[in-house]
Amino acid sequence: MKNVVVRYVRESYDELVHKVTWPTWVELQNNTVVVSIASLIIALIVFFMDFIFGVQHIQFGSFIWKGLLGFLYGA
């Protein structure tokens, strides 16, 4: 059993060091920017969907925003 674990660790190390193509620092930075922008866009889309459909009631002074569905169905 010990031999199997040692062999697995050695083969994993060999693969990570010699066979895996790691991104350069510039590629990593560019991909980080792309993922950050995409995450921000998706978060904004979800926020606006929540706001439009009135997932939470938001009070503006004496006016309570119930979302479009809240006004349509009189909830």
N, C-alpha and C. Protein backbone atom coordinates (compact mmCIF):
# COMPACT_ATOMS: atom_id res chain seq x y z
N MET A 1 0.82 -1.19 0.00
CA MET A 1 0.00 0.00 0.00
C MET A 1 0.87 1.26 0.00
N LYS A 2 1.95 1.23 0.79
CA LYS A 2 2.86 2.37 0.87
C LYS A 2 3.49 2.64 -0.50
N ASN A 3 3.85 1.58 -1.22
CA ASN A 3 4.45 1.71 -2.56
C ASN A 3 3.50 2.43 -3.52
N VAL A 4 2.22 2.13 -3.43
CA VAL A 4 1.23 2.72 -4.32
C VAL A 4 1.12 4.22 -4.07
N VAL A 5 1.12 4.61 -2.81
CA VAL A 5 1.01 6.03 -2.45
C VAL A 5 2.27 6.78 -2.89
N VAL A 6 3.43 6.22 -2.63
CA VAL A 6 4.69 6.86 -3.01
C VAL A 6 4.76 7.01 -4.53
N ARG A 7 4.36 5.98 -5.25
CA ARG A 7 4.37 6.04 -6.72
C ARG A 7 3.41 7.11 -7.22
N TYR A 8 2.24 7.18 -6.61
CA TYR A 8 1.25 8.17 -7.00
C TYR A 8 1.79 9.60 -6.80
N VAL A 9 2.42 9.84 -5.67
CA VAL A 9 2.97 11.17 -5.37
C VAL A 9 4.08 11.51 -6.35
N ARG A 10 4.96 10.56 -6.63
CA ARG A 10 6.06 10.81 -7.58
C ARG A 10 5.54 11.11 -8.98
N GLU A 11 4.56 10.33 -9.44
CA GLU A 11 4.00 10.54 -10.77
C GLU A 11 3.24 11.87 -10.85
N SER A 12 2.56 12.21 -9.79
CA SER A 12 1.85 13.49 -9.75
C SER A 12 2.83 14.64 -9.80
N TYR A 13 3.88 14.57 -9.03
CA TYR A 13 4.90 15.61 -9.03
C TYR A 13 5.54 15.73 -10.41
N ASP A 14 5.89 14.60 -11.00
CA ASP A 14 6.51 14.61 -12.33
C ASP A 14 5.58 15.26 -13.36
N GLU A 15 4.31 14.94 -13.29
CA GLU A 15 3.36 15.51 -14.24
C GLU A 15 3.22 17.01 -14.05
N LEU A 16 3.12 17.46 -12.80
CA LEU A 16 2.96 18.88 -12.52
C LEU A 16 4.20 19.69 -12.91
N VAL A 17 5.37 19.11 -12.76
CA VAL A 17 6.61 19.84 -13.04
C VAL A 17 6.96 19.79 -14.52
N HIS A 18 6.77 18.65 -15.18
CA HIS A 18 7.29 18.48 -16.53
C HIS A 18 6.24 18.47 -17.63
N LYS A 19 4.99 18.15 -17.33
CA LYS A 19 4.00 17.99 -18.39
C LYS A 19 2.93 19.08 -18.43
N VAL A 20 2.72 19.75 -17.32
CA VAL A 20 1.68 20.79 -17.26
C VAL A 20 2.25 22.09 -17.83
N THR A 21 1.47 22.75 -18.67
CA THR A 21 1.87 24.05 -19.20
C THR A 21 1.26 25.12 -18.31
N TRP A 22 2.10 25.82 -17.58
CA TRP A 22 1.63 26.85 -16.66
C TRP A 22 1.55 28.18 -17.41
N PRO A 23 0.57 29.01 -17.08
CA PRO A 23 0.46 30.31 -17.75
C PRO A 23 1.58 31.25 -17.31
N THR A 24 1.91 32.17 -18.21
CA THR A 24 2.89 33.19 -17.84
C THR A 24 2.22 34.20 -16.91
N TRP A 25 3.03 35.07 -16.30
CA TRP A 25 2.49 36.07 -15.39
C TRP A 25 1.53 37.01 -16.12
N VAL A 26 1.86 37.39 -17.35
CA VAL A 26 1.00 38.29 -18.13
C VAL A 26 -0.31 37.61 -18.49
N GLU A 27 -0.26 36.35 -18.90
CA GLU A 27 -1.48 35.60 -19.20
C GLU A 27 -2.37 35.48 -17.96
N LEU A 28 -1.75 35.23 -16.82
CA LEU A 28 -2.49 35.11 -15.57
C LEU A 28 -3.18 36.42 -15.21
N GLN A 29 -2.49 37.54 -15.39
CA GLN A 29 -3.07 38.85 -15.11
C GLN A 29 -4.24 39.14 -16.06
N ASN A 30 -4.05 38.86 -17.34
CA ASN A 30 -5.11 39.10 -18.32
C ASN A 30 -6.35 38.26 -18.03
N ASN A 31 -6.14 37.00 -17.71
CA ASN A 31 -7.27 36.12 -17.40
C ASN A 31 -7.98 36.56 -16.11
N THR A 32 -7.22 37.07 -15.15
CA THR A 32 -7.82 37.57 -13.92
C THR A 32 -8.72 38.77 -14.20
N VAL A 33 -8.29 39.65 -15.07
CA VAL A 33 -9.09 40.82 -15.44
C VAL A 33 -10.37 40.37 -16.14
N VAL A 34 -10.26 39.42 -17.06
CA VAL A 34 -11.43 38.92 -17.79
C VAL A 34 -12.44 38.29 -16.82
N VAL A 35 -11.97 37.47 -15.90
CA VAL A 35 -12.86 36.81 -14.94
C VAL A 35 -13.50 37.85 -14.01
N SER A 36 -12.74 38.84 -13.59
CA SER A 36 -13.28 39.88 -12.71
C SER A 36 -14.38 40.68 -13.40
N ILE A 37 -14.16 41.06 -14.65
CA ILE A 37 -15.17 41.82 -15.40
C ILE A 37 -16.41 40.97 -15.63
N ALA A 38 -16.23 39.72 -16.01
CA ALA A 38 -17.37 38.83 -16.25
C ALA A 38 -18.16 38.63 -14.95
N SER A 39 -17.48 38.48 -13.82
CA SER A 39 -18.16 38.31 -12.54
C SER A 39 -18.95 39.56 -12.18
N LEU A 40 -18.38 40.74 -12.43
CA LEU A 40 -19.07 41.99 -12.15
C LEU A 40 -20.32 42.14 -13.02
N ILE A 41 -20.21 41.80 -14.30
CA ILE A 41 -21.37 41.89 -15.20
C ILE A 41 -22.47 40.95 -14.75
N ILE A 42 -22.13 39.73 -14.40
CA ILE A 42 -23.15 38.76 -13.95
C ILE A 42 -23.78 39.22 -12.64
N ALA A 43 -22.97 39.78 -11.72
CA ALA A 43 -23.52 40.28 -10.45
C ALA A 43 -24.48 41.43 -10.69
N LEU A 44 -24.15 42.32 -11.62
CA LEU A 44 -25.04 43.44 -11.94
C LEU A 44 -26.34 42.95 -12.58
N ILE A 45 -26.25 41.97 -13.44
CA ILE A 45 -27.45 41.41 -14.07
C ILE A 45 -28.37 40.81 -13.00
N VAL A 46 -27.80 40.04 -12.07
CA VAL A 46 -28.60 39.44 -11.01
C VAL A 46 -29.20 40.53 -10.12
N PHE A 47 -28.43 41.57 -9.80
CA PHE A 47 -28.94 42.66 -8.98
C PHE A 47 -30.13 43.34 -9.65
N PHE A 48 -30.00 43.67 -10.94
CA PHE A 48 -31.09 44.34 -11.63
C PHE A 48 -32.31 43.44 -11.78
N MET A 49 -32.10 42.15 -11.97
CA MET A 49 -33.24 41.23 -12.02
C MET A 49 -33.95 41.20 -10.67
N ASP A 50 -33.20 41.14 -9.59
CA ASP A 50 -33.80 41.18 -8.26
C ASP A 50 -34.56 42.48 -8.04
N PHE A 51 -33.97 43.59 -8.46
CA PHE A 51 -34.59 44.89 -8.27
C PHE A 51 -35.87 45.01 -9.10
N ILE A 52 -35.81 44.61 -10.36
CA ILE A 52 -36.98 44.73 -11.25
C ILE A 52 -38.11 43.83 -10.79
N PHE A 53 -37.81 42.60 -10.43
CA PHE A 53 -38.86 41.67 -10.05
C PHE A 53 -39.24 41.77 -8.58
N GLY A 54 -38.58 42.65 -7.83
CA GLY A 54 -38.97 42.93 -6.46
C GLY A 54 -38.76 41.78 -5.51
N VAL A 55 -37.61 41.17 -5.53
CA VAL A 55 -37.34 40.07 -4.61
C VAL A 55 -37.41 40.58 -3.17
N GLN A 56 -36.90 41.76 -2.94
CA GLN A 56 -37.01 42.39 -1.63
C GLN A 56 -37.76 43.70 -1.79
N HIS A 57 -38.59 44.03 -0.83
CA HIS A 57 -39.32 45.29 -0.87
C HIS A 57 -38.37 46.40 -0.43
N ILE A 58 -38.22 47.42 -1.26
CA ILE A 58 -37.31 48.52 -0.98
C ILE A 58 -38.14 49.78 -0.76
N GLN A 59 -37.89 50.48 0.32
CA GLN A 59 -38.69 51.65 0.64
C GLN A 59 -37.94 52.92 0.25
N PHE A 60 -38.58 53.75 -0.58
CA PHE A 60 -38.06 55.06 -0.97
C PHE A 60 -38.96 56.11 -0.33
N GLY A 61 -38.60 56.64 0.83
CA GLY A 61 -39.47 57.60 1.52
C GLY A 61 -40.75 56.91 1.93
N SER A 62 -41.88 57.32 1.35
CA SER A 62 -43.15 56.67 1.67
C SER A 62 -43.55 55.67 0.59
N PHE A 63 -42.74 55.56 -0.46
CA PHE A 63 -43.03 54.66 -1.58
C PHE A 63 -42.28 53.35 -1.39
N ILE A 64 -42.99 52.23 -1.51
CA ILE A 64 -42.34 50.92 -1.37
C ILE A 64 -42.28 50.27 -2.75
N TRP A 65 -41.06 49.98 -3.20
CA TRP A 65 -40.86 49.33 -4.49
C TRP A 65 -41.10 47.84 -4.32
N LYS A 66 -42.11 47.31 -5.00
CA LYS A 66 -42.45 45.89 -4.90
C LYS A 66 -42.02 45.14 -6.16
N GLY A 67 -41.40 45.83 -7.07
CA GLY A 67 -41.01 45.20 -8.32
C GLY A 67 -42.17 45.17 -9.29
N LEU A 68 -41.89 44.89 -10.53
CA LEU A 68 -42.92 44.87 -11.56
C LEU A 68 -43.95 43.79 -11.28
N LEU A 69 -43.52 42.64 -10.83
CA LEU A 69 -44.47 41.58 -10.55
C LEU A 69 -45.37 41.93 -9.36
N GLY A 70 -44.81 42.64 -8.37
CA GLY A 70 -45.61 43.06 -7.23
C GLY A 70 -46.72 44.01 -7.63
N PHE A 71 -46.43 44.90 -8.58
CA PHE A 71 -47.45 45.83 -9.05
C PHE A 71 -48.46 45.14 -9.95
N LEU A 72 -47.99 44.19 -10.77
CA LEU A 72 -48.91 43.47 -11.67
C LEU A 72 -49.91 42.63 -10.89
N TYR A 73 -49.44 41.96 -9.86
CA TYR A 73 -50.29 41.05 -9.13
C TYR A 73 -50.84 41.65 -7.84
N GLY A 74 -50.51 42.91 -7.55
CA GLY A 74 -51.04 43.58 -6.38
C GLY A 74 -50.56 43.00 -5.07
N ALA A 75 -49.38 42.45 -5.06
CA ALA A 75 -48.86 41.82 -3.83
C ALA A 75 -48.42 42.84 -2.83
